[in-house]
């Protein structure tokens, strides 16, 4: 029997970017990081630090709680 692996989502950065019509490239430029880092955040492969998450919340004009699942 095959077992499905359910990937735990830790943040909603990707969802909020889509809702706002913004791209990962835009966020990467704002954060002054490589696009692949933002991509890893968006796909929940790695998580931003609380400081970085706070900056992302400010850039996206949302409460930091809105970014966390």
PDB file of N, CA and C in Angstrom:
ATOM      1  N   UNK A   1       0.833  -1.177   0.000  1.00  0.00           N
ATOM      2  CA  UNK A   1       0.000   0.000   0.000  1.00  0.00           C
ATOM      3  C   UNK A   1       0.884   1.249   0.000  1.00  0.00           C
ATOM      4  N   UNK A   2       0.607   2.179  -0.906  1.00  0.00           N
ATOM      5  CA  UNK A   2       1.370   3.412  -0.968  1.00  0.00           C
ATOM      6  C   UNK A   2       0.847   4.396   0.056  1.00  0.00           C
ATOM      7  N   UNK A   3       1.766   5.098   0.663  1.00  0.00           N
ATOM      8  CA  UNK A   3       1.406   6.096   1.652  1.00  0.00           C
ATOM      9  C   UNK A   3       1.620   7.482   1.068  1.00  0.00           C
ATOM     10  N   UNK A   4       0.629   8.330   1.175  1.00  0.00           N
ATOM     11  CA  UNK A   4       0.783   9.697   0.697  1.00  0.00           C
ATOM     12  C   UNK A   4       1.527  10.507   1.740  1.00  0.00           C
ATOM     13  N   UNK A   5       2.485  11.243   1.265  1.00  0.00           N
ATOM     14  CA  UNK A   5       3.223  12.131   2.157  1.00  0.00           C
ATOM     15  C   UNK A   5       2.573  13.501   2.068  1.00  0.00           C
ATOM     16  N   UNK A   6       2.130  13.985   3.196  1.00  0.00           N
ATOM     17  CA  UNK A   6       1.504  15.298   3.250  1.00  0.00           C
ATOM     18  C   UNK A   6       2.558  16.292   3.708  1.00  0.00           C
ATOM     19  N   UNK A   7       2.809  17.234   2.856  1.00  0.00           N
ATOM     20  CA  UNK A   7       3.816  18.246   3.158  1.00  0.00           C
ATOM     21  C   UNK A   7       3.196  19.288   4.083  1.00  0.00           C
ATOM     22  N   UNK A   8       3.830  19.519   5.195  1.00  0.00           N
ATOM     23  CA  UNK A   8       3.350  20.528   6.129  1.00  0.00           C
ATOM     24  C   UNK A   8       3.644  21.909   5.593  1.00  0.00           C
ATOM     25  N   UNK A   9       2.620  22.718   5.543  1.00  0.00           N
ATOM     26  CA  UNK A   9       2.803  24.106   5.154  1.00  0.00           C
ATOM     27  C   UNK A   9       3.033  24.919   6.405  1.00  0.00           C
ATOM     28  N   UNK A  10       4.040  25.727   6.368  1.00  0.00           N
ATOM     29  CA  UNK A  10       4.372  26.539   7.527  1.00  0.00           C
ATOM     30  C   UNK A  10       4.051  28.022   7.294  1.00  0.00           C
ATOM     31  N   UNK A  11       4.049  28.443   6.038  1.00  0.00           N
ATOM     32  CA  UNK A  11       3.751  29.847   5.770  1.00  0.00           C
ATOM     33  C   UNK A  11       2.882  29.979   4.527  1.00  0.00           C
ATOM     34  N   UNK A  12       2.302  31.167   4.369  1.00  0.00           N
ATOM     35  CA  UNK A  12       1.409  31.435   3.240  1.00  0.00           C
ATOM     36  C   UNK A  12       1.954  32.547   2.344  1.00  0.00           C
ATOM     37  N   UNK A  13       3.256  32.647   2.261  1.00  0.00           N
ATOM     38  CA  UNK A  13       3.868  33.702   1.455  1.00  0.00           C
ATOM     39  C   UNK A  13       3.428  33.585   0.002  1.00  0.00           C
ATOM     40  N   UNK A  14       3.484  32.380  -0.549  1.00  0.00           N
ATOM     41  CA  UNK A  14       3.114  32.170  -1.949  1.00  0.00           C
ATOM     42  C   UNK A  14       1.666  32.577  -2.201  1.00  0.00           C
ATOM     43  N   UNK A  15       0.785  32.170  -1.319  1.00  0.00           N
ATOM     44  CA  UNK A  15      -0.642  32.479  -1.459  1.00  0.00           C
ATOM     45  C   UNK A  15      -0.882  33.989  -1.442  1.00  0.00           C
ATOM     46  N   UNK A  16      -0.234  34.686  -0.525  1.00  0.00           N
ATOM     47  CA  UNK A  16      -0.433  36.133  -0.423  1.00  0.00           C
ATOM     48  C   UNK A  16       0.167  36.860  -1.622  1.00  0.00           C
ATOM     49  N   UNK A  17       1.315  36.400  -2.094  1.00  0.00           N
ATOM     50  CA  UNK A  17       1.882  36.986  -3.310  1.00  0.00           C
ATOM     51  C   UNK A  17       0.899  36.859  -4.473  1.00  0.00           C
ATOM     52  N   UNK A  18       0.308  35.681  -4.624  1.00  0.00           N
ATOM     53  CA  UNK A  18      -0.660  35.462  -5.701  1.00  0.00           C
ATOM     54  C   UNK A  18      -1.880  36.365  -5.538  1.00  0.00           C
ATOM     55  N   UNK A  19      -2.392  36.461  -4.327  1.00  0.00           N
ATOM     56  CA  UNK A  19      -3.562  37.304  -4.065  1.00  0.00           C
ATOM     57  C   UNK A  19      -3.284  38.767  -4.400  1.00  0.00           C
ATOM     58  N   UNK A  20      -2.058  39.195  -4.175  1.00  0.00           N
ATOM     59  CA  UNK A  20      -1.696  40.590  -4.419  1.00  0.00           C
ATOM     60  C   UNK A  20      -1.173  40.836  -5.838  1.00  0.00           C
ATOM     61  N   UNK A  21      -1.059  39.765  -6.620  1.00  0.00           N
ATOM     62  CA  UNK A  21      -0.560  39.915  -7.983  1.00  0.00           C
ATOM     63  C   UNK A  21       0.928  40.245  -8.030  1.00  0.00           C
ATOM     64  N   UNK A  22       1.645  39.833  -7.014  1.00  0.00           N
ATOM     65  CA  UNK A  22       3.086  40.087  -6.957  1.00  0.00           C
ATOM     66  C   UNK A  22       3.828  38.792  -7.260  1.00  0.00           C
ATOM     67  N   UNK A  23       5.070  38.923  -7.666  1.00  0.00           N
ATOM     68  CA  UNK A  23       5.854  37.750  -8.040  1.00  0.00           C
ATOM     69  C   UNK A  23       6.925  37.455  -6.999  1.00  0.00           C
ATOM     70  N   UNK A  24       7.455  36.258  -7.091  1.00  0.00           N
ATOM     71  CA  UNK A  24       8.574  35.879  -6.240  1.00  0.00           C
ATOM     72  C   UNK A  24       9.799  36.724  -6.582  1.00  0.00           C
ATOM     73  N   UNK A  25       9.949  37.060  -7.849  1.00  0.00           N
ATOM     74  CA  UNK A  25      11.065  37.902  -8.286  1.00  0.00           C
ATOM     75  C   UNK A  25      10.966  39.273  -7.622  1.00  0.00           C
ATOM     76  N   UNK A  26       9.756  39.824  -7.584  1.00  0.00           N
ATOM     77  CA  UNK A  26       9.549  41.116  -6.928  1.00  0.00           C
ATOM     78  C   UNK A  26       9.972  41.041  -5.465  1.00  0.00           C
ATOM     79  N   UNK A  27       9.512  40.004  -4.769  1.00  0.00           N
ATOM     80  CA  UNK A  27       9.845  39.868  -3.346  1.00  0.00           C
ATOM     81  C   UNK A  27      11.348  39.683  -3.150  1.00  0.00           C
ATOM     82  N   UNK A  28      11.958  38.906  -4.007  1.00  0.00           N
ATOM     83  CA  UNK A  28      13.411  38.691  -3.917  1.00  0.00           C
ATOM     84  C   UNK A  28      14.160  40.017  -4.066  1.00  0.00           C
ATOM     85  N   UNK A  29      13.722  40.846  -5.011  1.00  0.00           N
ATOM     86  CA  UNK A  29      14.370  42.150  -5.211  1.00  0.00           C
ATOM     87  C   UNK A  29      14.184  43.038  -3.986  1.00  0.00           C
ATOM     88  N   UNK A  30      12.982  43.017  -3.415  1.00  0.00           N
ATOM     89  CA  UNK A  30      12.715  43.833  -2.226  1.00  0.00           C
ATOM     90  C   UNK A  30      13.567  43.392  -1.039  1.00  0.00           C
ATOM     91  N   UNK A  31      13.756  42.080  -0.912  1.00  0.00           N
ATOM     92  CA  UNK A  31      14.528  41.527   0.199  1.00  0.00           C
ATOM     93  C   UNK A  31      16.032  41.531  -0.071  1.00  0.00           C
ATOM     94  N   UNK A  32      16.388  41.798  -1.344  1.00  0.00           N
ATOM     95  CA  UNK A  32      17.789  41.772  -1.781  1.00  0.00           C
ATOM     96  C   UNK A  32      18.414  40.390  -1.559  1.00  0.00           C
ATOM     97  N   UNK A  33      17.641  39.386  -1.998  1.00  0.00           N
ATOM     98  CA  UNK A  33      18.118  38.000  -1.940  1.00  0.00           C
ATOM     99  C   UNK A  33      17.892  37.361  -3.303  1.00  0.00           C
ATOM    100  N   UNK A  34      18.488  36.211  -3.512  1.00  0.00           N
ATOM    101  CA  UNK A  34      18.300  35.475  -4.761  1.00  0.00           C
ATOM    102  C   UNK A  34      16.876  34.930  -4.845  1.00  0.00           C
ATOM    103  N   UNK A  35      16.373  34.831  -6.065  1.00  0.00           N
ATOM    104  CA  UNK A  35      15.016  34.333  -6.279  1.00  0.00           C
ATOM    105  C   UNK A  35      14.831  32.923  -5.717  1.00  0.00           C
ATOM    106  N   UNK A  36      15.879  32.101  -5.799  1.00  0.00           N
ATOM    107  CA  UNK A  36      15.736  30.723  -5.314  1.00  0.00           C
ATOM    108  C   UNK A  36      15.479  30.671  -3.802  1.00  0.00           C
ATOM    109  N   UNK A  37      15.944  31.659  -3.063  1.00  0.00           N
ATOM    110  CA  UNK A  37      15.667  31.705  -1.628  1.00  0.00           C
ATOM    111  C   UNK A  37      14.183  31.965  -1.397  1.00  0.00           C
ATOM    112  N   UNK A  38      13.625  32.928  -2.104  1.00  0.00           N
ATOM    113  CA  UNK A  38      12.194  33.220  -1.978  1.00  0.00           C
ATOM    114  C   UNK A  38      11.380  32.028  -2.452  1.00  0.00           C
ATOM    115  N   UNK A  39      11.826  31.371  -3.507  1.00  0.00           N
ATOM    116  CA  UNK A  39      11.133  30.187  -3.999  1.00  0.00           C
ATOM    117  C   UNK A  39      11.080  29.101  -2.925  1.00  0.00           C
ATOM    118  N   UNK A  40      12.161  28.927  -2.202  1.00  0.00           N
ATOM    119  CA  UNK A  40      12.198  27.931  -1.125  1.00  0.00           C
ATOM    120  C   UNK A  40      11.251  28.326   0.009  1.00  0.00           C
ATOM    121  N   UNK A  41      11.152  29.632   0.303  1.00  0.00           N
ATOM    122  CA  UNK A  41      10.173  30.087   1.295  1.00  0.00           C
ATOM    123  C   UNK A  41       8.754  29.782   0.811  1.00  0.00           C
ATOM    124  N   UNK A  42       8.477  30.125  -0.443  1.00  0.00           N
ATOM    125  CA  UNK A  42       7.126  29.964  -0.997  1.00  0.00           C
ATOM    126  C   UNK A  42       6.696  28.503  -1.070  1.00  0.00           C
ATOM    127  N   UNK A  43       7.644  27.624  -1.288  1.00  0.00           N
ATOM    128  CA  UNK A  43       7.328  26.195  -1.374  1.00  0.00           C
ATOM    129  C   UNK A  43       7.551  25.462  -0.057  1.00  0.00           C
ATOM    130  N   UNK A  44       7.773  26.230   1.000  1.00  0.00           N
ATOM    131  CA  UNK A  44       7.942  25.694   2.352  1.00  0.00           C
ATOM    132  C   UNK A  44       9.055  24.654   2.459  1.00  0.00           C
ATOM    133  N   UNK A  45      10.088  24.848   1.669  1.00  0.00           N
ATOM    134  CA  UNK A  45      11.263  23.972   1.785  1.00  0.00           C
ATOM    135  C   UNK A  45      12.172  24.479   2.889  1.00  0.00           C
ATOM    136  N   UNK A  46      12.214  25.796   3.066  1.00  0.00           N
ATOM    137  CA  UNK A  46      12.894  26.424   4.194  1.00  0.00           C
ATOM    138  C   UNK A  46      11.984  27.527   4.704  1.00  0.00           C
ATOM    139  N   UNK A  47      12.231  27.957   5.915  1.00  0.00           N
ATOM    140  CA  UNK A  47      11.417  29.016   6.499  1.00  0.00           C
ATOM    141  C   UNK A  47      12.281  30.241   6.774  1.00  0.00           C
ATOM    142  N   UNK A  48      11.726  31.415   6.516  1.00  0.00           N
ATOM    143  CA  UNK A  48      12.471  32.628   6.832  1.00  0.00           C
ATOM    144  C   UNK A  48      12.582  32.802   8.343  1.00  0.00           C
ATOM    145  N   UNK A  49      13.603  33.503   8.761  1.00  0.00           N
ATOM    146  CA  UNK A  49      13.732  33.836  10.177  1.00  0.00           C
ATOM    147  C   UNK A  49      12.566  34.744  10.566  1.00  0.00           C
ATOM    148  N   UNK A  50      12.343  34.905  11.854  1.00  0.00           N
ATOM    149  CA  UNK A  50      11.268  35.785  12.304  1.00  0.00           C
ATOM    150  C   UNK A  50      11.519  37.223  11.853  1.00  0.00           C
ATOM    151  N   UNK A  51      12.775  37.626  11.864  1.00  0.00           N
ATOM    152  CA  UNK A  51      13.106  38.978  11.399  1.00  0.00           C
ATOM    153  C   UNK A  51      12.757  39.141   9.922  1.00  0.00           C
ATOM    154  N   UNK A  52      13.141  38.147   9.116  1.00  0.00           N
ATOM    155  CA  UNK A  52      12.858  38.196   7.673  1.00  0.00           C
ATOM    156  C   UNK A  52      11.345  38.117   7.430  1.00  0.00           C
ATOM    157  N   UNK A  53      10.651  37.290   8.208  1.00  0.00           N
ATOM    158  CA  UNK A  53       9.203  37.164   8.080  1.00  0.00           C
ATOM    159  C   UNK A  53       8.528  38.496   8.405  1.00  0.00           C
ATOM    160  N   UNK A  54       9.048  39.190   9.398  1.00  0.00           N
ATOM    161  CA  UNK A  54       8.524  40.507   9.764  1.00  0.00           C
ATOM    162  C   UNK A  54       8.699  41.494   8.612  1.00  0.00           C
ATOM    163  N   UNK A  55       9.847  41.458   7.968  1.00  0.00           N
ATOM    164  CA  UNK A  55      10.113  42.338   6.819  1.00  0.00           C
ATOM    165  C   UNK A  55       9.164  41.994   5.673  1.00  0.00           C
ATOM    166  N   UNK A  56       8.964  40.709   5.433  1.00  0.00           N
ATOM    167  CA  UNK A  56       8.048  40.274   4.370  1.00  0.00           C
ATOM    168  C   UNK A  56       6.636  40.783   4.655  1.00  0.00           C
ATOM    169  N   UNK A  57       6.215  40.697   5.912  1.00  0.00           N
ATOM    170  CA  UNK A  57       4.882  41.188   6.290  1.00  0.00           C
ATOM    171  C   UNK A  57       4.753  42.678   5.999  1.00  0.00           C
ATOM    172  N   UNK A  58       5.784  43.435   6.301  1.00  0.00           N
ATOM    173  CA  UNK A  58       5.761  44.876   6.027  1.00  0.00           C
ATOM    174  C   UNK A  58       5.690  45.132   4.525  1.00  0.00           C
ATOM    175  N   UNK A  59       6.506  44.417   3.753  1.00  0.00           N
ATOM    176  CA  UNK A  59       6.507  44.600   2.295  1.00  0.00           C
ATOM    177  C   UNK A  59       5.160  44.260   1.676  1.00  0.00           C
ATOM    178  N   UNK A  60       4.504  43.231   2.223  1.00  0.00           N
ATOM    179  CA  UNK A  60       3.218  42.803   1.680  1.00  0.00           C
ATOM    180  C   UNK A  60       2.035  43.505   2.350  1.00  0.00           C
ATOM    181  N   UNK A  61       2.353  44.371   3.307  1.00  0.00           N
ATOM    182  CA  UNK A  61       1.322  45.133   4.019  1.00  0.00           C
ATOM    183  C   UNK A  61       0.280  44.219   4.674  1.00  0.00           C
ATOM    184  N   UNK A  62       0.775  43.179   5.347  1.00  0.00           N
ATOM    185  CA  UNK A  62      -0.105  42.262   6.073  1.00  0.00           C
ATOM    186  C   UNK A  62       0.451  42.084   7.484  1.00  0.00           C
ATOM    187  N   UNK A  63      -0.383  41.568   8.357  1.00  0.00           N
ATOM    188  CA  UNK A  63       0.056  41.225   9.703  1.00  0.00           C
ATOM    189  C   UNK A  63       0.916  39.969   9.616  1.00  0.00           C
ATOM    190  N   UNK A  64       1.960  39.917  10.401  1.00  0.00           N
ATOM    191  CA  UNK A  64       2.830  38.738  10.374  1.00  0.00           C
ATOM    192  C   UNK A  64       2.046  37.452  10.632  1.00  0.00           C
ATOM    193  N   UNK A  65       0.986  37.544  11.416  1.00  0.00           N
ATOM    194  CA  UNK A  65       0.143  36.367  11.695  1.00  0.00           C
ATOM    195  C   UNK A  65      -0.525  35.849  10.429  1.00  0.00           C
ATOM    196  N   UNK A  66      -0.755  36.738   9.462  1.00  0.00           N
ATOM    197  CA  UNK A  66      -1.377  36.333   8.202  1.00  0.00           C
ATOM    198  C   UNK A  66      -0.443  35.471   7.351  1.00  0.00           C
ATOM    199  N   UNK A  67       0.848  35.527   7.637  1.00  0.00           N
ATOM    200  CA  UNK A  67       1.828  34.757   6.859  1.00  0.00           C
ATOM    201  C   UNK A  67       2.044  33.348   7.401  1.00  0.00           C
ATOM    202  N   UNK A  68       1.591  33.128   8.619  1.00  0.00           N
ATOM    203  CA  UNK A  68       1.872  31.855   9.285  1.00  0.00           C
ATOM    204  C   UNK A  68       0.629  30.968   9.274  1.00  0.00           C
ATOM    205  N   UNK A  69       0.853  29.702   8.949  1.00  0.00           N
ATOM    206  CA  UNK A  69      -0.259  28.729   8.957  1.00  0.00           C
ATOM    207  C   UNK A  69      -0.363  28.151  10.346  1.00  0.00           C
TER     208      UNK A  69
END
